[in-house]
Amino acid sequence: MLRDFTNKIKNWADVAIGEWGLLLIVLLVALGSFGLGRLSVLESVRATVSITNAPTVAEPRGMSIGGLIVASRTGSAYYFPWCASAAKIAPQNQVWFTSEANARSAGYSPAKNCKGLGK
């Protein structure tokens, strides 16, 4: 009984593939070719990527050995040496302090745009 059932399935598969198999194969090849053609068009439309060197914003600065805190002779705020505003102080106008207490006693206040300074 099981053998008869498997023979019926094999016969049905032979008939189905024989009648519809060739048509199904042609249809799948056509759809695959169309899809690959669409993909190749999308690849040619995509913009090319170019890699360039980004311009440097500022020259790297080493730590100055003048002290821990820097201020400008003409300003009223003090900064850590790595703060962006400290880089704008001309070397001849820089005043260096060993601590924040020394900078405060000289009349300077902590800069608001330099994180980590005492308020």
PDB file of N, CA and C in Angstrom:
ATOM      1  N   MET A   1       0.821  -1.188   0.000  1.00  0.00           N
ATOM      2  CA  MET A   1       0.000   0.000   0.000  1.00  0.00           C
ATOM      3  C   MET A   1       0.870   1.259   0.000  1.00  0.00           C
ATOM      4  N   LEU A   2       1.921   1.266   0.806  1.00  0.00           N
ATOM      5  CA  LEU A   2       2.844   2.401   0.827  1.00  0.00           C
ATOM      6  C   LEU A   2       3.575   2.526  -0.502  1.00  0.00           C
ATOM      7  N   ARG A   3       3.916   1.398  -1.092  1.00  0.00           N
ATOM      8  CA  ARG A   3       4.616   1.413  -2.378  1.00  0.00           C
ATOM      9  C   ARG A   3       3.702   1.993  -3.471  1.00  0.00           C
ATOM     10  N   ASP A   4       2.432   1.654  -3.444  1.00  0.00           N
ATOM     11  CA  ASP A   4       1.484   2.193  -4.426  1.00  0.00           C
ATOM     12  C   ASP A   4       1.365   3.710  -4.276  1.00  0.00           C
ATOM     13  N   PHE A   5       1.340   4.174  -3.027  1.00  0.00           N
ATOM     14  CA  PHE A   5       1.220   5.608  -2.775  1.00  0.00           C
ATOM     15  C   PHE A   5       2.440   6.370  -3.302  1.00  0.00           C
ATOM     16  N   THR A   6       3.654   5.854  -3.046  1.00  0.00           N
ATOM     17  CA  THR A   6       4.861   6.523  -3.551  1.00  0.00           C
ATOM     18  C   THR A   6       4.929   6.482  -5.071  1.00  0.00           C
ATOM     19  N   ASN A   7       4.465   5.408  -5.694  1.00  0.00           N
ATOM     20  CA  ASN A   7       4.434   5.345  -7.160  1.00  0.00           C
ATOM     21  C   ASN A   7       3.471   6.373  -7.732  1.00  0.00           C
ATOM     22  N   LYS A   8       2.316   6.595  -7.067  1.00  0.00           N
ATOM     23  CA  LYS A   8       1.364   7.602  -7.526  1.00  0.00           C
ATOM     24  C   LYS A   8       1.979   8.998  -7.449  1.00  0.00           C
ATOM     25  N   ILE A   9       2.715   9.266  -6.351  1.00  0.00           N
ATOM     26  CA  ILE A   9       3.355  10.578  -6.215  1.00  0.00           C
ATOM     27  C   ILE A   9       4.419  10.762  -7.290  1.00  0.00           C
ATOM     28  N   LYS A  10       5.229   9.759  -7.570  1.00  0.00           N
ATOM     29  CA  LYS A  10       6.255   9.855  -8.618  1.00  0.00           C
ATOM     30  C   LYS A  10       5.619  10.069  -9.975  1.00  0.00           C
ATOM     31  N   ASN A  11       4.549   9.361 -10.275  1.00  0.00           N
ATOM     32  CA  ASN A  11       3.866   9.532 -11.572  1.00  0.00           C
ATOM     33  C   ASN A  11       3.281  10.933 -11.704  1.00  0.00           C
ATOM     34  N   TRP A  12       2.690  11.429 -10.611  1.00  0.00           N
ATOM     35  CA  TRP A  12       2.122  12.765 -10.655  1.00  0.00           C
ATOM     36  C   TRP A  12       3.226  13.814 -10.847  1.00  0.00           C
ATOM     37  N   ALA A  13       4.379  13.641 -10.182  1.00  0.00           N
ATOM     38  CA  ALA A  13       5.500  14.559 -10.329  1.00  0.00           C
ATOM     39  C   ALA A  13       6.034  14.526 -11.754  1.00  0.00           C
ATOM     40  N   ASP A  14       6.133  13.364 -12.359  1.00  0.00           N
ATOM     41  CA  ASP A  14       6.607  13.273 -13.749  1.00  0.00           C
ATOM     42  C   ASP A  14       5.657  13.998 -14.691  1.00  0.00           C
ATOM     43  N   VAL A  15       4.365  13.843 -14.494  1.00  0.00           N
ATOM     44  CA  VAL A  15       3.376  14.511 -15.348  1.00  0.00           C
ATOM     45  C   VAL A  15       3.423  16.018 -15.148  1.00  0.00           C
ATOM     46  N   ALA A  16       3.482  16.469 -13.886  1.00  0.00           N
ATOM     47  CA  ALA A  16       3.482  17.898 -13.603  1.00  0.00           C
ATOM     48  C   ALA A  16       4.734  18.563 -14.148  1.00  0.00           C
ATOM     49  N   ILE A  17       5.882  17.947 -13.948  1.00  0.00           N
ATOM     50  CA  ILE A  17       7.125  18.531 -14.459  1.00  0.00           C
ATOM     51  C   ILE A  17       7.151  18.457 -15.974  1.00  0.00           C
ATOM     52  N   GLY A  18       6.645  17.410 -16.511  1.00  0.00           N
ATOM     53  CA  GLY A  18       6.624  17.262 -17.959  1.00  0.00           C
ATOM     54  C   GLY A  18       5.768  18.319 -18.637  1.00  0.00           C
ATOM     55  N   GLU A  19       4.608  18.635 -18.076  1.00  0.00           N
ATOM     56  CA  GLU A  19       3.717  19.604 -18.701  1.00  0.00           C
ATOM     57  C   GLU A  19       4.060  21.034 -18.314  1.00  0.00           C
ATOM     58  N   TRP A  20       4.317  21.253 -17.049  1.00  0.00           N
ATOM     59  CA  TRP A  20       4.506  22.614 -16.555  1.00  0.00           C
ATOM     60  C   TRP A  20       5.957  22.947 -16.206  1.00  0.00           C
ATOM     61  N   GLY A  21       6.796  21.979 -16.123  1.00  0.00           N
ATOM     62  CA  GLY A  21       8.175  22.200 -15.695  1.00  0.00           C
ATOM     63  C   GLY A  21       8.960  23.113 -16.615  1.00  0.00           C
ATOM     64  N   LEU A  22       8.855  22.867 -17.926  1.00  0.00           N
ATOM     65  CA  LEU A  22       9.591  23.701 -18.878  1.00  0.00           C
ATOM     66  C   LEU A  22       9.098  25.140 -18.822  1.00  0.00           C
ATOM     67  N   LEU A  23       7.789  25.325 -18.744  1.00  0.00           N
ATOM     68  CA  LEU A  23       7.222  26.667 -18.656  1.00  0.00           C
ATOM     69  C   LEU A  23       7.667  27.360 -17.367  1.00  0.00           C
ATOM     70  N   LEU A  24       7.677  26.626 -16.269  1.00  0.00           N
ATOM     71  CA  LEU A  24       8.105  27.189 -14.993  1.00  0.00           C
ATOM     72  C   LEU A  24       9.581  27.589 -15.025  1.00  0.00           C
ATOM     73  N   ILE A  25      10.422  26.770 -15.611  1.00  0.00           N
ATOM     74  CA  ILE A  25      11.858  27.072 -15.709  1.00  0.00           C
ATOM     75  C   ILE A  25      12.081  28.319 -16.558  1.00  0.00           C
ATOM     76  N   VAL A  26      11.396  28.428 -17.703  1.00  0.00           N
ATOM     77  CA  VAL A  26      11.538  29.606 -18.573  1.00  0.00           C
ATOM     78  C   VAL A  26      11.078  30.860 -17.837  1.00  0.00           C
ATOM     79  N   LEU A  27       9.959  30.768 -17.110  1.00  0.00           N
ATOM     80  CA  LEU A  27       9.443  31.914 -16.372  1.00  0.00           C
ATOM     81  C   LEU A  27      10.420  32.351 -15.274  1.00  0.00           C
ATOM     82  N   LEU A  28      10.990  31.415 -14.522  1.00  0.00           N
ATOM     83  CA  LEU A  28      11.952  31.760 -13.472  1.00  0.00           C
ATOM     84  C   LEU A  28      13.231  32.375 -14.028  1.00  0.00           C
ATOM     85  N   VAL A  29      13.708  31.870 -15.156  1.00  0.00           N
ATOM     86  CA  VAL A  29      14.903  32.448 -15.785  1.00  0.00           C
ATOM     87  C   VAL A  29      14.609  33.872 -16.255  1.00  0.00           C
ATOM     88  N   ALA A  30      13.431  34.093 -16.827  1.00  0.00           N
ATOM     89  CA  ALA A  30      13.072  35.436 -17.298  1.00  0.00           C
ATOM     90  C   ALA A  30      12.976  36.414 -16.135  1.00  0.00           C
ATOM     91  N   LEU A  31      12.322  36.026 -15.054  1.00  0.00           N
ATOM     92  CA  LEU A  31      12.215  36.905 -13.891  1.00  0.00           C
ATOM     93  C   LEU A  31      13.584  37.176 -13.254  1.00  0.00           C
ATOM     94  N   GLY A  32      14.423  36.167 -13.178  1.00  0.00           N
ATOM     95  CA  GLY A  32      15.769  36.363 -12.633  1.00  0.00           C
ATOM     96  C   GLY A  32      16.591  37.314 -13.484  1.00  0.00           C
ATOM     97  N   SER A  33      16.489  37.182 -14.797  1.00  0.00           N
ATOM     98  CA  SER A  33      17.237  38.071 -15.696  1.00  0.00           C
ATOM     99  C   SER A  33      16.756  39.506 -15.565  1.00  0.00           C
ATOM    100  N   PHE A  34      15.440  39.675 -15.482  1.00  0.00           N
ATOM    101  CA  PHE A  34      14.886  41.022 -15.319  1.00  0.00           C
ATOM    102  C   PHE A  34      15.373  41.652 -14.019  1.00  0.00           C
ATOM    103  N   GLY A  35      15.329  40.877 -12.934  1.00  0.00           N
ATOM    104  CA  GLY A  35      15.778  41.395 -11.642  1.00  0.00           C
ATOM    105  C   GLY A  35      17.244  41.766 -11.636  1.00  0.00           C
ATOM    106  N   LEU A  36      18.082  40.946 -12.236  1.00  0.00           N
ATOM    107  CA  LEU A  36      19.512  41.266 -12.308  1.00  0.00           C
ATOM    108  C   LEU A  36      19.771  42.488 -13.172  1.00  0.00           C
ATOM    109  N   GLY A  37      18.990  42.645 -14.231  1.00  0.00           N
ATOM    110  CA  GLY A  37      19.131  43.837 -15.075  1.00  0.00           C
ATOM    111  C   GLY A  37      18.778  45.097 -14.310  1.00  0.00           C
ATOM    112  N   ARG A  38      17.728  45.039 -13.491  1.00  0.00           N
ATOM    113  CA  ARG A  38      17.349  46.196 -12.681  1.00  0.00           C
ATOM    114  C   ARG A  38      18.440  46.525 -11.661  1.00  0.00           C
ATOM    115  N   LEU A  39      19.028  45.512 -11.079  1.00  0.00           N
ATOM    116  CA  LEU A  39      20.092  45.750 -10.108  1.00  0.00           C
ATOM    117  C   LEU A  39      21.309  46.413 -10.740  1.00  0.00           C
ATOM    118  N   SER A  40      21.641  46.000 -11.964  1.00  0.00           N
ATOM    119  CA  SER A  40      22.808  46.600 -12.618  1.00  0.00           C
ATOM    120  C   SER A  40      22.558  48.059 -12.961  1.00  0.00           C
ATOM    121  N   VAL A  41      21.313  48.432 -13.264  1.00  0.00           N
ATOM    122  CA  VAL A  41      20.999  49.839 -13.532  1.00  0.00           C
ATOM    123  C   VAL A  41      21.152  50.651 -12.256  1.00  0.00           C
ATOM    124  N   LEU A  42      20.700  50.110 -11.139  1.00  0.00           N
ATOM    125  CA  LEU A  42      20.831  50.824  -9.875  1.00  0.00           C
ATOM    126  C   LEU A  42      22.289  51.015  -9.491  1.00  0.00           C
ATOM    127  N   GLU A  43      23.140  50.067  -9.783  1.00  0.00           N
ATOM    128  CA  GLU A  43      24.570  50.188  -9.470  1.00  0.00           C
ATOM    129  C   GLU A  43      25.209  51.307 -10.281  1.00  0.00           C
ATOM    130  N   SER A  44      24.825  51.480 -11.527  1.00  0.00           N
ATOM    131  CA  SER A  44      25.454  52.508 -12.366  1.00  0.00           C
ATOM    132  C   SER A  44      24.953  53.902 -12.004  1.00  0.00           C
ATOM    133  N   VAL A  45      23.779  54.023 -11.382  1.00  0.00           N
ATOM    134  CA  VAL A  45      23.229  55.321 -11.018  1.00  0.00           C
ATOM    135  C   VAL A  45      23.810  55.822  -9.706  1.00  0.00           C
ATOM    136  N   ARG A  46      24.261  54.944  -8.853  1.00  0.00           N
ATOM    137  CA  ARG A  46      24.771  55.313  -7.542  1.00  0.00           C
ATOM    138  C   ARG A  46      25.969  56.246  -7.683  1.00  0.00           C
ATOM    139  N   ALA A  47      25.977  57.289  -6.863  1.00  0.00           N
ATOM    140  CA  ALA A  47      27.063  58.261  -6.895  1.00  0.00           C
ATOM    141  C   ALA A  47      28.363  57.620  -6.417  1.00  0.00           C
ATOM    142  N   THR A  48      29.457  58.044  -7.019  1.00  0.00           N
ATOM    143  CA  THR A  48      30.751  57.498  -6.620  1.00  0.00           C
ATOM    144  C   THR A  48      31.183  58.140  -5.304  1.00  0.00           C
ATOM    145  N   VAL A  49      31.919  57.413  -4.527  1.00  0.00           N
ATOM    146  CA  VAL A  49      32.418  57.885  -3.249  1.00  0.00           C
ATOM    147  C   VAL A  49      33.877  58.261  -3.424  1.00  0.00           C
ATOM    148  N   SER A  50      34.214  59.464  -2.995  1.00  0.00           N
ATOM    149  CA  SER A  50      35.611  59.869  -3.053  1.00  0.00           C
ATOM    150  C   SER A  50      36.072  60.206  -1.641  1.00  0.00           C
ATOM    151  N   ILE A  51      37.253  59.783  -1.331  1.00  0.00           N
ATOM    152  CA  ILE A  51      37.815  60.014  -0.009  1.00  0.00           C
ATOM    153  C   ILE A  51      38.910  61.054  -0.146  1.00  0.00           C
ATOM    154  N   THR A  52      38.771  62.117   0.611  1.00  0.00           N
ATOM    155  CA  THR A  52      39.772  63.180   0.585  1.00  0.00           C
ATOM    156  C   THR A  52      40.254  63.412   2.006  1.00  0.00           C
ATOM    157  N   ASN A  53      41.346  64.085   2.120  1.00  0.00           N
ATOM    158  CA  ASN A  53      41.879  64.419   3.439  1.00  0.00           C
ATOM    159  C   ASN A  53      41.105  65.599   3.996  1.00  0.00           C
ATOM    160  N   ALA A  54      40.649  65.477   5.210  1.00  0.00           N
ATOM    161  CA  ALA A  54      39.943  66.569   5.864  1.00  0.00           C
ATOM    162  C   ALA A  54      40.964  67.628   6.268  1.00  0.00           C
ATOM    163  N   PRO A  55      40.608  68.894   6.118  1.00  0.00           N
ATOM    164  CA  PRO A  55      41.551  69.939   6.526  1.00  0.00           C
ATOM    165  C   PRO A  55      41.705  69.937   8.044  1.00  0.00           C
ATOM    166  N   THR A  56      42.899  70.224   8.486  1.00  0.00           N
ATOM    167  CA  THR A  56      43.135  70.265   9.927  1.00  0.00           C
ATOM    168  C   THR A  56      42.608  71.583  10.472  1.00  0.00           C
ATOM    169  N   VAL A  57      41.942  71.524  11.592  1.00  0.00           N
ATOM    170  CA  VAL A  57      41.344  72.709  12.179  1.00  0.00           C
ATOM    171  C   VAL A  57      42.413  73.539  12.882  1.00  0.00           C
ATOM    172  N   ALA A  58      43.238  72.887  13.629  1.00  0.00           N
ATOM    173  CA  ALA A  58      44.284  73.610  14.348  1.00  0.00           C
ATOM    174  C   ALA A  58      45.506  72.717  14.464  1.00  0.00           C
ATOM    175  N   GLU A  59      46.601  73.326  14.614  1.00  0.00           N
ATOM    176  CA  GLU A  59      47.842  72.592  14.815  1.00  0.00           C
ATOM    177  C   GLU A  59      47.805  71.948  16.197  1.00  0.00           C
ATOM    178  N   PRO A  60      48.279  70.739  16.341  1.00  0.00           N
ATOM    179  CA  PRO A  60      48.309  70.137  17.670  1.00  0.00           C
ATOM    180  C   PRO A  60      49.242  70.907  18.587  1.00  0.00           C
ATOM    181  N   ARG A  61      48.782  71.090  19.809  1.00  0.00           N
ATOM    182  CA  ARG A  61      49.587  71.851  20.766  1.00  0.00           C
ATOM    183  C   ARG A  61      50.070  70.937  21.870  1.00  0.00           C
ATOM    184  N   GLY A  62      51.277  71.105  22.262  1.00  0.00           N
ATOM    185  CA  GLY A  62      51.792  70.372  23.406  1.00  0.00           C
ATOM    186  C   GLY A  62      51.447  71.123  24.680  1.00  0.00           C
ATOM    187  N   MET A  63      51.549  70.442  25.780  1.00  0.00           N
ATOM    188  CA  MET A  63      51.282  71.094  27.057  1.00  0.00           C
ATOM    189  C   MET A  63      52.442  72.029  27.397  1.00  0.00           C
ATOM    190  N   SER A  64      52.070  73.206  27.783  1.00  0.00           N
ATOM    191  CA  SER A  64      53.082  74.167  28.188  1.00  0.00           C
ATOM    192  C   SER A  64      53.530  73.851  29.610  1.00  0.00           C
ATOM    193  N   ILE A  65      54.770  74.065  29.880  1.00  0.00           N
ATOM    194  CA  ILE A  65      55.274  73.792  31.226  1.00  0.00           C
ATOM    195  C   ILE A  65      55.194  75.041  32.097  1.00  0.00           C
ATOM    196  N   GLY A  66      54.474  76.074  31.623  1.00  0.00           N
ATOM    197  CA  GLY A  66      54.367  77.319  32.390  1.00  0.00           C
ATOM    198  C   GLY A  66      53.540  77.184  33.646  1.00  0.00           C
ATOM    199  N   GLY A  67      52.630  76.252  33.722  1.00  0.00           N
ATOM    200  CA  GLY A  67      51.789  76.086  34.904  1.00  0.00           C
ATOM    201  C   GLY A  67      50.544  75.298  34.573  1.00  0.00           C
ATOM    202  N   LEU A  68      49.611  75.280  35.514  1.00  0.00           N
ATOM    203  CA  LEU A  68      48.382  74.525  35.356  1.00  0.00           C
ATOM    204  C   LEU A  68      47.261  75.394  34.791  1.00  0.00           C
ATOM    205  N   ILE A  69      47.287  76.671  35.081  1.00  0.00           N
ATOM    206  CA  ILE A  69      46.227  77.599  34.698  1.00  0.00           C
ATOM    207  C   ILE A  69      46.848  78.725  33.888  1.00  0.00           C
ATOM    208  N   VAL A  70      46.134  79.142  32.823  1.00  0.00           N
ATOM    209  CA  VAL A  70      46.621  80.247  31.993  1.00  0.00           C
ATOM    210  C   VAL A  70      45.530  81.310  31.895  1.00  0.00           C
ATOM    211  N   ALA A  71      45.967  82.551  31.842  1.00  0.00           N
ATOM    212  CA  ALA A  71      45.061  83.684  31.677  1.00  0.00           C
ATOM    213  C   ALA A  71      45.728  84.685  30.755  1.00  0.00           C
ATOM    214  N   SER A  72      44.937  85.629  30.298  1.00  0.00           N
ATOM    215  CA  SER A  72      45.481  86.681  29.440  1.00  0.00           C
ATOM    216  C   SER A  72      45.723  87.922  30.288  1.00  0.00           C
ATOM    217  N   ARG A  73      46.803  88.644  29.990  1.00  0.00           N
ATOM    218  CA  ARG A  73      47.098  89.884  30.718  1.00  0.00           C
ATOM    219  C   ARG A  73      45.960  90.889  30.559  1.00  0.00           C
ATOM    220  N   THR A  74      45.292  90.864  29.403  1.00  0.00           N
ATOM    221  CA  THR A  74      44.239  91.841  29.128  1.00  0.00           C
ATOM    222  C   THR A  74      42.839  91.308  29.447  1.00  0.00           C
ATOM    223  N   GLY A  75      42.717  90.057  29.861  1.00  0.00           N
ATOM    224  CA  GLY A  75      41.404  89.468  30.125  1.00  0.00           C
ATOM    225  C   GLY A  75      41.109  89.359  31.602  1.00  0.00           C
ATOM    226  N   SER A  76      39.940  88.763  31.899  1.00  0.00           N
ATOM    227  CA  SER A  76      39.548  88.625  33.300  1.00  0.00           C
ATOM    228  C   SER A  76      39.256  87.173  33.681  1.00  0.00           C
ATOM    229  N   ALA A  77      39.445  86.230  32.758  1.00  0.00           N
ATOM    230  CA  ALA A  77      39.140  84.811  33.017  1.00  0.00           C
ATOM    231  C   ALA A  77      40.407  83.981  32.902  1.00  0.00           C
ATOM    232  N   TYR A  78      40.407  82.855  33.615  1.00  0.00           N
ATOM    233  CA  TYR A  78      41.525  81.912  33.505  1.00  0.00           C
ATOM    234  C   TYR A  78      41.010  80.594  32.935  1.00  0.00           C
ATOM    235  N   TYR A  79      41.921  79.823  32.309  1.00  0.00           N
ATOM    236  CA  TYR A  79      41.574  78.618  31.561  1.00  0.00           C
ATOM    237  C   TYR A  79      42.562  77.502  31.879  1.00  0.00           C
ATOM    238  N   PHE A  80      42.133  76.269  31.591  1.00  0.00           N
ATOM    239  CA  PHE A  80      43.092  75.178  31.501  1.00  0.00           C
ATOM    240  C   PHE A  80      43.826  75.347  30.172  1.00  0.00           C
ATOM    241  N   PRO A  81      45.073  74.895  30.066  1.00  0.00           N
ATOM    242  CA  PRO A  81      45.826  75.081  28.816  1.00  0.00           C
ATOM    243  C   PRO A  81      45.203  74.393  27.600  1.00  0.00           C
ATOM    244  N   TRP A  82      44.393  73.349  27.792  1.00  0.00           N
ATOM    245  CA  TRP A  82      43.809  72.617  26.666  1.00  0.00           C
ATOM    246  C   TRP A  82      42.460  73.185  26.225  1.00  0.00           C
ATOM    247  N   CYS A  83      41.945  74.182  26.888  1.00  0.00           N
ATOM    248  CA  CYS A  83      40.674  74.784  26.475  1.00  0.00           C
ATOM    249  C   CYS A  83      40.863  75.555  25.176  1.00  0.00           C
ATOM    250  N   ALA A  84      39.803  75.603  24.376  1.00  0.00           N
ATOM    251  CA  ALA A  84      39.889  76.253  23.063  1.00  0.00           C
ATOM    252  C   ALA A  84      40.217  77.738  23.184  1.00  0.00           C
ATOM    253  N   SER A  85      39.659  78.399  24.171  1.00  0.00           N
ATOM    254  CA  SER A  85      39.917  79.834  24.321  1.00  0.00           C
ATOM    255  C   SER A  85      41.349  80.119  24.745  1.00  0.00           C
ATOM    256  N   ALA A  86      41.978  79.186  25.446  1.00  0.00           N
ATOM    257  CA  ALA A  86      43.367  79.380  25.859  1.00  0.00           C
ATOM    258  C   ALA A  86      44.297  79.398  24.652  1.00  0.00           C
ATOM    259  N   ALA A  87      43.931  78.705  23.596  1.00  0.00           N
ATOM    260  CA  ALA A  87      44.772  78.681  22.396  1.00  0.00           C
ATOM    261  C   ALA A  87      44.776  80.028  21.689  1.00  0.00           C
ATOM    262  N   LYS A  88      43.769  80.858  21.967  1.00  0.00           N
ATOM    263  CA  LYS A  88      43.673  82.161  21.299  1.00  0.00           C
ATOM    264  C   LYS A  88      44.482  83.243  22.004  1.00  0.00           C
ATOM    265  N   ILE A  89      45.007  82.932  23.177  1.00  0.00           N
ATOM    266  CA  ILE A  89      45.810  83.923  23.900  1.00  0.00           C
ATOM    267  C   ILE A  89      47.207  83.969  23.285  1.00  0.00           C
ATOM    268  N   ALA A  90      47.625  85.133  22.892  1.00  0.00           N
ATOM    269  CA  ALA A  90      48.963  85.296  22.297  1.00  0.00           C
ATOM    270  C   ALA A  90      50.014  84.946  23.345  1.00  0.00           C
ATOM    271  N   PRO A  91      51.105  84.304  22.922  1.00  0.00           N
ATOM    272  CA  PRO A  91      52.136  83.889  23.899  1.00  0.00           C
ATOM    273  C   PRO A  91      52.680  85.036  24.745  1.00  0.00           C
ATOM    274  N   GLN A  92      52.801  86.234  24.193  1.00  0.00           N
ATOM    275  CA  GLN A  92      53.326  87.356  24.970  1.00  0.00           C
ATOM    276  C   GLN A  92      52.309  87.876  25.995  1.00  0.00           C
ATOM    277  N   ASN A  93      51.017  87.518  25.853  1.00  0.00           N
ATOM    278  CA  ASN A  93      49.989  87.956  26.799  1.00  0.00           C
ATOM    279  C   ASN A  93      49.618  86.889  27.823  1.00  0.00           C
ATOM    280  N   GLN A  94      50.245  85.717  27.774  1.00  0.00           N
ATOM    281  CA  GLN A  94      49.893  84.637  28.679  1.00  0.00           C
ATOM    282  C   GLN A  94      50.467  84.871  30.076  1.00  0.00           C
ATOM    283  N   VAL A  95      49.619  84.628  31.074  1.00  0.00           N
ATOM    284  CA  VAL A  95      50.033  84.664  32.472  1.00  0.00           C
ATOM    285  C   VAL A  95      49.729  83.284  33.029  1.00  0.00           C
ATOM    286  N   TRP A  96      50.731  82.651  33.620  1.00  0.00           N
ATOM    287  CA  TRP A  96      50.581  81.280  34.108  1.00  0.00           C
ATOM    288  C   TRP A  96      50.495  81.255  35.621  1.00  0.00           C
ATOM    289  N   PHE A  97      49.637  80.351  36.129  1.00  0.00           N
ATOM    290  CA  PHE A  97      49.461  80.161  37.570  1.00  0.00           C
ATOM    291  C   PHE A  97      49.581  78.672  37.876  1.00  0.00           C
ATOM    292  N   THR A  98      50.048  78.384  39.086  1.00  0.00           N
ATOM    293  CA  THR A  98      50.197  76.979  39.475  1.00  0.00           C
ATOM    294  C   THR A  98      48.908  76.383  40.025  1.00  0.00           C
ATOM    295  N   SER A  99      47.935  77.230  40.394  1.00  0.00           N
ATOM    296  CA  SER A  99      46.665  76.719  40.913  1.00  0.00           C
ATOM    297  C   SER A  99      45.553  77.716  40.623  1.00  0.00           C
ATOM    298  N   GLU A 100      44.318  77.240  40.792  1.00  0.00           N
ATOM    299  CA  GLU A 100      43.168  78.121  40.605  1.00  0.00           C
ATOM    300  C   GLU A 100      43.131  79.182  41.702  1.00  0.00           C
ATOM    301  N   ALA A 101      43.551  78.817  42.896  1.00  0.00           N
ATOM    302  CA  ALA A 101      43.556  79.781  44.003  1.00  0.00           C
ATOM    303  C   ALA A 101      44.477  80.958  43.692  1.00  0.00           C
ATOM    304  N   ASN A 102      45.619  80.670  43.101  1.00  0.00           N
ATOM    305  CA  ASN A 102      46.546  81.744  42.734  1.00  0.00           C
ATOM    306  C   ASN A 102      45.942  82.645  41.660  1.00  0.00           C
ATOM    307  N   ALA A 103      45.226  82.046  40.688  1.00  0.00           N
ATOM    308  CA  ALA A 103      44.601  82.841  39.630  1.00  0.00           C
ATOM    309  C   ALA A 103      43.488  83.711  40.203  1.00  0.00           C
ATOM    310  N   ARG A 104      42.708  83.177  41.153  1.00  0.00           N
ATOM    311  CA  ARG A 104      41.629  83.963  41.777  1.00  0.00           C
ATOM    312  C   ARG A 104      42.206  85.105  42.613  1.00  0.00           C
ATOM    313  N   SER A 105      43.294  84.833  43.333  1.00  0.00           N
ATOM    314  CA  SER A 105      43.889  85.887  44.155  1.00  0.00           C
ATOM    315  C   SER A 105      44.485  86.996  43.297  1.00  0.00           C
ATOM    316  N   ALA A 106      44.813  86.680  42.018  1.00  0.00           N
ATOM    317  CA  ALA A 106      45.325  87.705  41.109  1.00  0.00           C
ATOM    318  C   ALA A 106      44.184  88.476  40.439  1.00  0.00           C
ATOM    319  N   GLY A 107      42.915  88.105  40.747  1.00  0.00           N
ATOM    320  CA  GLY A 107      41.780  88.861  40.222  1.00  0.00           C
ATOM    321  C   GLY A 107      41.092  88.228  39.024  1.00  0.00           C
ATOM    322  N   TYR A 108      41.481  87.024  38.667  1.00  0.00           N
ATOM    323  CA  TYR A 108      40.854  86.337  37.531  1.00  0.00           C
ATOM    324  C   TYR A 108      39.719  85.441  38.027  1.00  0.00           C
ATOM    325  N   SER A 109      38.732  85.217  37.168  1.00  0.00           N
ATOM    326  CA  SER A 109      37.619  84.317  37.488  1.00  0.00           C
ATOM    327  C   SER A 109      37.638  83.143  36.509  1.00  0.00           C
ATOM    328  N   PRO A 110      37.009  82.016  36.878  1.00  0.00           N
ATOM    329  CA  PRO A 110      37.030  80.857  35.968  1.00  0.00           C
ATOM    330  C   PRO A 110      36.229  81.130  34.696  1.00  0.00           C
ATOM    331  N   ALA A 111      36.732  80.635  33.587  1.00  0.00           N
ATOM    332  CA  ALA A 111      36.050  80.805  32.300  1.00  0.00           C
ATOM    333  C   ALA A 111      34.801  79.930  32.274  1.00  0.00           C
ATOM    334  N   LYS A 112      33.728  80.467  31.705  1.00  0.00           N
ATOM    335  CA  LYS A 112      32.474  79.716  31.651  1.00  0.00           C
ATOM    336  C   LYS A 112      32.470  78.654  30.567  1.00  0.00           C
ATOM    337  N   ASN A 113      33.295  78.803  29.544  1.00  0.00           N
ATOM    338  CA  ASN A 113      33.313  77.852  28.428  1.00  0.00           C
ATOM    339  C   ASN A 113      34.400  76.800  28.562  1.00  0.00           C
ATOM    340  N   CYS A 114      35.068  76.717  29.688  1.00  0.00           N
ATOM    341  CA  CYS A 114      36.111  75.729  29.922  1.00  0.00           C
ATOM    342  C   CYS A 114      35.646  74.799  31.031  1.00  0.00           C
ATOM    343  N   LYS A 115      35.220  73.614  30.665  1.00  0.00           N
ATOM    344  CA  LYS A 115      34.639  72.673  31.629  1.00  0.00           C
ATOM    345  C   LYS A 115      35.672  72.191  32.627  1.00  0.00           C
ATOM    346  N   GLY A 116      35.220  72.042  33.865  1.00  0.00           N
ATOM    347  CA  GLY A 116      36.069  71.503  34.914  1.00  0.00           C
ATOM    348  C   GLY A 116      36.669  72.551  35.828  1.00  0.00           C
ATOM    349  N   LEU A 117      36.554  73.808  35.477  1.00  0.00           N
ATOM    350  CA  LEU A 117      37.076  74.860  36.344  1.00  0.00           C
ATOM    351  C   LEU A 117      36.096  75.116  37.475  1.00  0.00           C
ATOM    352  N   GLY A 118      36.628  75.416  38.667  1.00  0.00           N
ATOM    353  CA  GLY A 118      35.783  75.708  39.816  1.00  0.00           C
ATOM    354  C   GLY A 118      35.004  76.989  39.623  1.00  0.00           C
ATOM    355  N   LYS A 119      33.811  76.993  40.182  1.00  0.00           N
ATOM    356  CA  LYS A 119      32.945  78.193  40.031  1.00  0.00           C
ATOM    357  C   LYS A 119      32.894  78.980  41.307  1.00  0.00           C
TER     358      LYS A 119
END
